Amino acid sequence: MSRIGKLPVTLPKGVDVKVSDKNVVNVKGPKGELNRSLDTAIQVKVDEGKVVLTRATEQKRHKALHGLYRALIANMVHGVSVGYKIEQELVGVGYRAAHKGQLLELTLGFSHNVAFELPKEIKLLTATEKGKNPTITLESLDKELIGLVASKIRSLRTPEPYKGKGIKFSGELLRRKAGKAAGK
């Protein structure tokens, strides 16, 4: 049996999970509401504050889906109760970030500024303090969506290995190279 799939998902206070007859899971909590449709081979039962998933057969595909859907439902429950937050730093001279509503305006050393439109489900904050790198903070209920948006922002200027210039996640350790002078 799937080690992850057999673990029940405990529901915190204020979180409600409903499963429709078309195998659509609806998770509602204090921060918002998320929906996801599941494969018909996976059955979802809500009992006494716990969500338990079972699969129809022992096929390899069904075993994989069992653990996947359990993890996705656990992420949905965490998202509607606590939420997700990702912070990114802009490392480089002259790198700046500003926002107007859902439009993120980045100055990344190109000949032009880069404008990035964010989905309405993501809350955006930018901060610039003297002596520190500019930061971008993303907050959302949906872990999948916030991770996708953060990786797209990072791909605009990935950190290079010599000086570390670029957009990196806060707390990310970059593997640095020595350069030409260290080879002699």
C-alpha atoms as a PDB file:
ATOM      1  CA  MET A   1       0.000   0.000   0.000  1.00  0.00           C
ATOM      2  CA  SER A   2       1.109   3.556  -0.603  1.00  0.00           C
ATOM      3  CA  ARG A   3       2.873   4.857   2.490  1.00  0.00           C
ATOM      4  CA  ILE A   4       1.701   8.415   1.935  1.00  0.00           C
ATOM      5  CA  GLY A   5      -1.738   7.459   0.605  1.00  0.00           C
ATOM      6  CA  LYS A   6      -2.724   5.408   3.633  1.00  0.00           C
ATOM      7  CA  LEU A   7      -2.111   8.269   6.082  1.00  0.00           C
ATOM      8  CA  PRO A   8      -5.314  10.140   6.968  1.00  0.00           C
ATOM      9  CA  VAL A   9      -5.444  13.917   6.556  1.00  0.00           C
ATOM     10  CA  THR A  10      -6.501  15.545   9.828  1.00  0.00           C
ATOM     11  CA  LEU A  11      -8.775  18.562   9.489  1.00  0.00           C
ATOM     12  CA  PRO A  12      -8.041  21.618  11.664  1.00  0.00           C
ATOM     13  CA  LYS A  13     -10.883  23.617  13.230  1.00  0.00           C
ATOM     14  CA  GLY A  14     -12.870  25.643  10.725  1.00  0.00           C
ATOM     15  CA  VAL A  15     -11.980  23.481   7.714  1.00  0.00           C
ATOM     16  CA  ASP A  16     -14.793  21.614   5.941  1.00  0.00           C
ATOM     17  CA  VAL A  17     -14.291  18.974   3.215  1.00  0.00           C
ATOM     18  CA  LYS A  18     -17.100  17.859   0.919  1.00  0.00           C
ATOM     19  CA  VAL A  19     -16.945  15.242  -1.847  1.00  0.00           C
ATOM     20  CA  SER A  20     -19.477  15.369  -4.686  1.00  0.00           C
ATOM     21  CA  ASP A  21     -20.769  12.339  -6.576  1.00  0.00           C
ATOM     22  CA  LYS A  22     -18.526  13.247  -9.543  1.00  0.00           C
ATOM     23  CA  ASN A  23     -15.445  12.790  -7.312  1.00  0.00           C
ATOM     24  CA  VAL A  24     -14.794  16.526  -6.906  1.00  0.00           C
ATOM     25  CA  VAL A  25     -13.274  17.492  -3.547  1.00  0.00           C
ATOM     26  CA  ASN A  26     -14.262  20.903  -2.161  1.00  0.00           C
ATOM     27  CA  VAL A  27     -12.182  22.218   0.775  1.00  0.00           C
ATOM     28  CA  LYS A  28     -13.469  25.318   2.562  1.00  0.00           C
ATOM     29  CA  GLY A  29     -11.695  27.120   5.389  1.00  0.00           C
ATOM     30  CA  PRO A  30     -11.149  30.504   7.014  1.00  0.00           C
ATOM     31  CA  LYS A  31      -8.815  31.730   4.244  1.00  0.00           C
ATOM     32  CA  GLY A  32     -10.940  30.613   1.277  1.00  0.00           C
ATOM     33  CA  GLU A  33     -12.086  27.689  -0.828  1.00  0.00           C
ATOM     34  CA  LEU A  34     -10.330  25.241  -3.203  1.00  0.00           C
ATOM     35  CA  ASN A  35     -11.685  22.553  -5.553  1.00  0.00           C
ATOM     36  CA  ARG A  36     -10.052  19.582  -7.277  1.00  0.00           C
ATOM     37  CA  SER A  37     -11.462  16.761  -9.361  1.00  0.00           C
ATOM     38  CA  LEU A  38     -10.014  13.317  -8.660  1.00  0.00           C
ATOM     39  CA  ASP A  39      -9.661  10.150 -10.714  1.00  0.00           C
ATOM     40  CA  THR A  40     -12.580   7.728 -10.354  1.00  0.00           C
ATOM     41  CA  ALA A  41     -10.225   4.982  -9.091  1.00  0.00           C
ATOM     42  CA  ILE A  42      -9.677   6.917  -5.841  1.00  0.00           C
ATOM     43  CA  GLN A  43     -12.468   7.122  -3.260  1.00  0.00           C
ATOM     44  CA  VAL A  44     -12.513   9.848  -0.607  1.00  0.00           C
ATOM     45  CA  LYS A  45     -14.289   9.513   2.759  1.00  0.00           C
ATOM     46  CA  VAL A  46     -14.590  12.162   5.468  1.00  0.00           C
ATOM     47  CA  ASP A  47     -14.943  10.696   9.002  1.00  0.00           C
ATOM     48  CA  GLU A  48     -14.638  12.445  12.390  1.00  0.00           C
ATOM     49  CA  GLY A  49     -12.329  15.241  11.293  1.00  0.00           C
ATOM     50  CA  LYS A  50     -10.172  13.049   9.058  1.00  0.00           C
ATOM     51  CA  VAL A  51     -10.036  12.498   5.309  1.00  0.00           C
ATOM     52  CA  VAL A  52      -9.203   8.930   4.234  1.00  0.00           C
ATOM     53  CA  LEU A  53      -8.403   7.920   0.649  1.00  0.00           C
ATOM     54  CA  THR A  54      -8.729   4.388  -0.748  1.00  0.00           C
ATOM     55  CA  ARG A  55      -7.999   3.003  -4.206  1.00  0.00           C
ATOM     56  CA  ALA A  56      -9.936   0.522  -6.328  1.00  0.00           C
ATOM     57  CA  THR A  57      -7.132  -1.819  -7.424  1.00  0.00           C
ATOM     58  CA  GLU A  58      -3.449  -2.543  -6.849  1.00  0.00           C
ATOM     59  CA  GLN A  59      -2.372  -1.336 -10.306  1.00  0.00           C
ATOM     60  CA  LYS A  60       0.829   0.697 -10.418  1.00  0.00           C
ATOM     61  CA  ARG A  61      -1.044   3.736 -11.780  1.00  0.00           C
ATOM     62  CA  HIS A  62      -3.638   3.594  -8.992  1.00  0.00           C
ATOM     63  CA  LYS A  63      -0.909   3.279  -6.351  1.00  0.00           C
ATOM     64  CA  ALA A  64       0.780   6.407  -7.736  1.00  0.00           C
ATOM     65  CA  LEU A  65      -2.500   8.344  -7.840  1.00  0.00           C
ATOM     66  CA  HIS A  66      -3.310   7.269  -4.280  1.00  0.00           C
ATOM     67  CA  GLY A  67      -0.275   9.025  -2.793  1.00  0.00           C
ATOM     68  CA  LEU A  68      -0.558  11.969  -5.187  1.00  0.00           C
ATOM     69  CA  TYR A  69      -4.175  12.791  -4.360  1.00  0.00           C
ATOM     70  CA  ARG A  70      -3.587  12.406  -0.632  1.00  0.00           C
ATOM     71  CA  ALA A  71      -0.730  14.923  -0.830  1.00  0.00           C
ATOM     72  CA  LEU A  72      -2.814  17.316  -2.953  1.00  0.00           C
ATOM     73  CA  ILE A  73      -5.728  17.188  -0.488  1.00  0.00           C
ATOM     74  CA  ALA A  74      -3.322  17.737   2.441  1.00  0.00           C
ATOM     75  CA  ASN A  75      -1.912  20.793   0.618  1.00  0.00           C
ATOM     76  CA  MET A  76      -5.439  22.114   0.024  1.00  0.00           C
ATOM     77  CA  VAL A  77      -6.321  21.716   3.718  1.00  0.00           C
ATOM     78  CA  HIS A  78      -3.115  23.509   4.764  1.00  0.00           C
ATOM     79  CA  GLY A  79      -3.742  26.250   2.200  1.00  0.00           C
ATOM     80  CA  VAL A  80      -7.279  27.126   3.323  1.00  0.00           C
ATOM     81  CA  SER A  81      -6.318  27.028   7.009  1.00  0.00           C
ATOM     82  CA  VAL A  82      -2.815  28.606   7.099  1.00  0.00           C
ATOM     83  CA  GLY A  83      -1.908  29.572   3.519  1.00  0.00           C
ATOM     84  CA  TYR A  84       1.412  29.567   1.671  1.00  0.00           C
ATOM     85  CA  LYS A  85       4.043  32.292   1.485  1.00  0.00           C
ATOM     86  CA  ILE A  86       7.130  32.505  -0.740  1.00  0.00           C
ATOM     87  CA  GLU A  87       9.785  35.212  -0.483  1.00  0.00           C
ATOM     88  CA  GLN A  88      12.295  35.989  -3.238  1.00  0.00           C
ATOM     89  CA  GLU A  89      15.322  38.288  -3.231  1.00  0.00           C
ATOM     90  CA  LEU A  90      16.739  40.306  -6.120  1.00  0.00           C
ATOM     91  CA  VAL A  91      20.542  40.184  -5.867  1.00  0.00           C
ATOM     92  CA  GLY A  92      22.413  42.603  -8.116  1.00  0.00           C
ATOM     93  CA  VAL A  93      23.337  46.248  -8.492  1.00  0.00           C
ATOM     94  CA  GLY A  94      20.378  48.254  -9.756  1.00  0.00           C
ATOM     95  CA  TYR A  95      17.894  45.374  -9.498  1.00  0.00           C
ATOM     96  CA  ARG A  96      14.517  46.706  -8.354  1.00  0.00           C
ATOM     97  CA  ALA A  97      10.952  45.462  -7.886  1.00  0.00           C
ATOM     98  CA  ALA A  98       7.716  47.459  -7.682  1.00  0.00           C
ATOM     99  CA  HIS A  99       4.073  46.540  -8.014  1.00  0.00           C
ATOM    100  CA  LYS A 100       0.813  48.192  -9.027  1.00  0.00           C
ATOM    101  CA  GLY A 101      -2.064  45.893  -8.154  1.00  0.00           C
ATOM    102  CA  GLN A 102      -1.306  42.519  -9.758  1.00  0.00           C
ATOM    103  CA  LEU A 103       1.374  43.874 -12.129  1.00  0.00           C
ATOM    104  CA  LEU A 104       4.963  43.238 -10.992  1.00  0.00           C
ATOM    105  CA  GLU A 105       7.502  45.630 -12.523  1.00  0.00           C
ATOM    106  CA  LEU A 106      11.103  44.343 -12.411  1.00  0.00           C
ATOM    107  CA  THR A 107      14.373  46.098 -13.306  1.00  0.00           C
ATOM    108  CA  LEU A 108      16.846  43.250 -13.885  1.00  0.00           C
ATOM    109  CA  GLY A 109      19.693  44.767 -15.890  1.00  0.00           C
ATOM    110  CA  PHE A 110      18.040  44.343 -19.285  1.00  0.00           C
ATOM    111  CA  SER A 111      17.618  47.259 -21.694  1.00  0.00           C
ATOM    112  CA  HIS A 112      13.956  47.404 -20.662  1.00  0.00           C
ATOM    113  CA  ASN A 113      11.877  46.766 -17.538  1.00  0.00           C
ATOM    114  CA  VAL A 114      10.058  43.446 -17.271  1.00  0.00           C
ATOM    115  CA  ALA A 115       6.331  43.510 -16.481  1.00  0.00           C
ATOM    116  CA  PHE A 116       4.827  40.334 -15.014  1.00  0.00           C
ATOM    117  CA  GLU A 117       1.055  39.934 -14.561  1.00  0.00           C
ATOM    118  CA  LEU A 118       0.092  37.760 -11.577  1.00  0.00           C
ATOM    119  CA  PRO A 119      -3.137  35.761 -11.204  1.00  0.00           C
ATOM    120  CA  LYS A 120      -5.801  37.298  -8.956  1.00  0.00           C
ATOM    121  CA  GLU A 121      -5.497  34.390  -6.476  1.00  0.00           C
ATOM    122  CA  ILE A 122      -2.000  35.554  -5.439  1.00  0.00           C
ATOM    123  CA  LYS A 123      -1.342  38.466  -3.093  1.00  0.00           C
ATOM    124  CA  LEU A 124       1.813  40.412  -3.995  1.00  0.00           C
ATOM    125  CA  LEU A 125       4.059  42.594  -1.833  1.00  0.00           C
ATOM    126  CA  THR A 126       7.383  44.202  -2.723  1.00  0.00           C
ATOM    127  CA  ALA A 127       9.816  45.784  -0.274  1.00  0.00           C
ATOM    128  CA  THR A 128      13.028  47.752  -0.674  1.00  0.00           C
ATOM    129  CA  GLU A 129      15.087  48.588   2.418  1.00  0.00           C
ATOM    130  CA  LYS A 130      18.341  50.483   2.413  1.00  0.00           C
ATOM    131  CA  GLY A 131      21.324  48.148   2.705  1.00  0.00           C
ATOM    132  CA  LYS A 132      19.260  45.037   1.854  1.00  0.00           C
ATOM    133  CA  ASN A 133      18.242  43.316  -1.342  1.00  0.00           C
ATOM    134  CA  PRO A 134      14.772  44.111  -2.728  1.00  0.00           C
ATOM    135  CA  THR A 135      12.261  41.375  -1.875  1.00  0.00           C
ATOM    136  CA  ILE A 136       9.125  39.983  -3.507  1.00  0.00           C
ATOM    137  CA  THR A 137       6.580  38.263  -1.252  1.00  0.00           C
ATOM    138  CA  LEU A 138       3.857  36.035  -2.706  1.00  0.00           C
ATOM    139  CA  GLU A 139       0.919  34.715  -0.640  1.00  0.00           C
ATOM    140  CA  SER A 140      -1.798  32.307  -1.772  1.00  0.00           C
ATOM    141  CA  LEU A 141      -4.018  29.383  -0.793  1.00  0.00           C
ATOM    142  CA  ASP A 142      -2.958  27.198  -3.718  1.00  0.00           C
ATOM    143  CA  LYS A 143       0.508  25.660  -3.292  1.00  0.00           C
ATOM    144  CA  GLU A 144       0.694  24.519  -6.915  1.00  0.00           C
ATOM    145  CA  LEU A 145      -0.150  27.956  -8.325  1.00  0.00           C
ATOM    146  CA  ILE A 146       2.172  29.927  -6.036  1.00  0.00           C
ATOM    147  CA  GLY A 147       5.072  27.564  -6.790  1.00  0.00           C
ATOM    148  CA  LEU A 148       4.505  27.892 -10.531  1.00  0.00           C
ATOM    149  CA  VAL A 149       4.387  31.701 -10.401  1.00  0.00           C
ATOM    150  CA  ALA A 150       7.482  31.899  -8.162  1.00  0.00           C
ATOM    151  CA  SER A 151       9.470  29.667 -10.528  1.00  0.00           C
ATOM    152  CA  LYS A 152       8.418  31.783 -13.531  1.00  0.00           C
ATOM    153  CA  ILE A 153       9.544  34.950 -11.758  1.00  0.00           C
ATOM    154  CA  ARG A 154      12.863  33.269 -10.886  1.00  0.00           C
ATOM    155  CA  SER A 155      13.347  32.171 -14.508  1.00  0.00           C
ATOM    156  CA  LEU A 156      13.375  35.827 -15.638  1.00  0.00           C
ATOM    157  CA  ARG A 157      16.919  36.104 -14.213  1.00  0.00           C
ATOM    158  CA  THR A 158      18.213  32.900 -12.615  1.00  0.00           C
ATOM    159  CA  PRO A 159      21.143  33.355 -10.214  1.00  0.00           C
ATOM    160  CA  GLU A 160      24.489  32.945 -11.930  1.00  0.00           C
ATOM    161  CA  PRO A 161      27.171  30.821 -10.197  1.00  0.00           C
ATOM    162  CA  TYR A 162      30.043  33.356 -10.099  1.00  0.00           C
ATOM    163  CA  LYS A 163      28.617  36.394  -8.303  1.00  0.00           C
ATOM    164  CA  GLY A 164      25.163  35.066  -7.414  1.00  0.00           C
ATOM    165  CA  LYS A 165      23.330  37.858  -9.268  1.00  0.00           C
ATOM    166  CA  GLY A 166      19.695  37.163 -10.114  1.00  0.00           C
ATOM    167  CA  ILE A 167      16.378  36.300  -8.452  1.00  0.00           C
ATOM    168  CA  LYS A 168      16.660  33.699  -5.705  1.00  0.00           C
ATOM    169  CA  PHE A 169      14.392  32.288  -3.029  1.00  0.00           C
ATOM    170  CA  SER A 170      15.027  33.597   0.493  1.00  0.00           C
ATOM    171  CA  GLY A 171      17.251  31.149   2.321  1.00  0.00           C
ATOM    172  CA  GLU A 172      18.315  29.381  -0.900  1.00  0.00           C
ATOM    173  CA  LEU A 173      21.947  28.293  -0.919  1.00  0.00           C
ATOM    174  CA  LEU A 174      23.588  28.786  -4.285  1.00  0.00           C
ATOM    175  CA  ARG A 175      26.518  26.704  -5.438  1.00  0.00           C
ATOM    176  CA  ARG A 176      29.239  29.208  -6.258  1.00  0.00           C
ATOM    177  CA  LYS A 177      32.191  28.766  -8.607  1.00  0.00           C
ATOM    178  CA  ALA A 178      35.644  30.209  -8.004  1.00  0.00           C
ATOM    179  CA  GLY A 179      36.314  31.857 -11.378  1.00  0.00           C
ATOM    180  CA  LYS A 180      39.441  32.129 -13.523  1.00  0.00           C
ATOM    181  CA  ALA A 181      41.870  33.523 -10.958  1.00  0.00           C
ATOM    182  CA  ALA A 182      41.496  30.557  -8.600  1.00  0.00           C
ATOM    183  CA  GLY A 183      42.656  28.078 -11.246  1.00  0.00           C
ATOM    184  CA  LYS A 184      46.306  29.239 -11.188  1.00  0.00           C
END
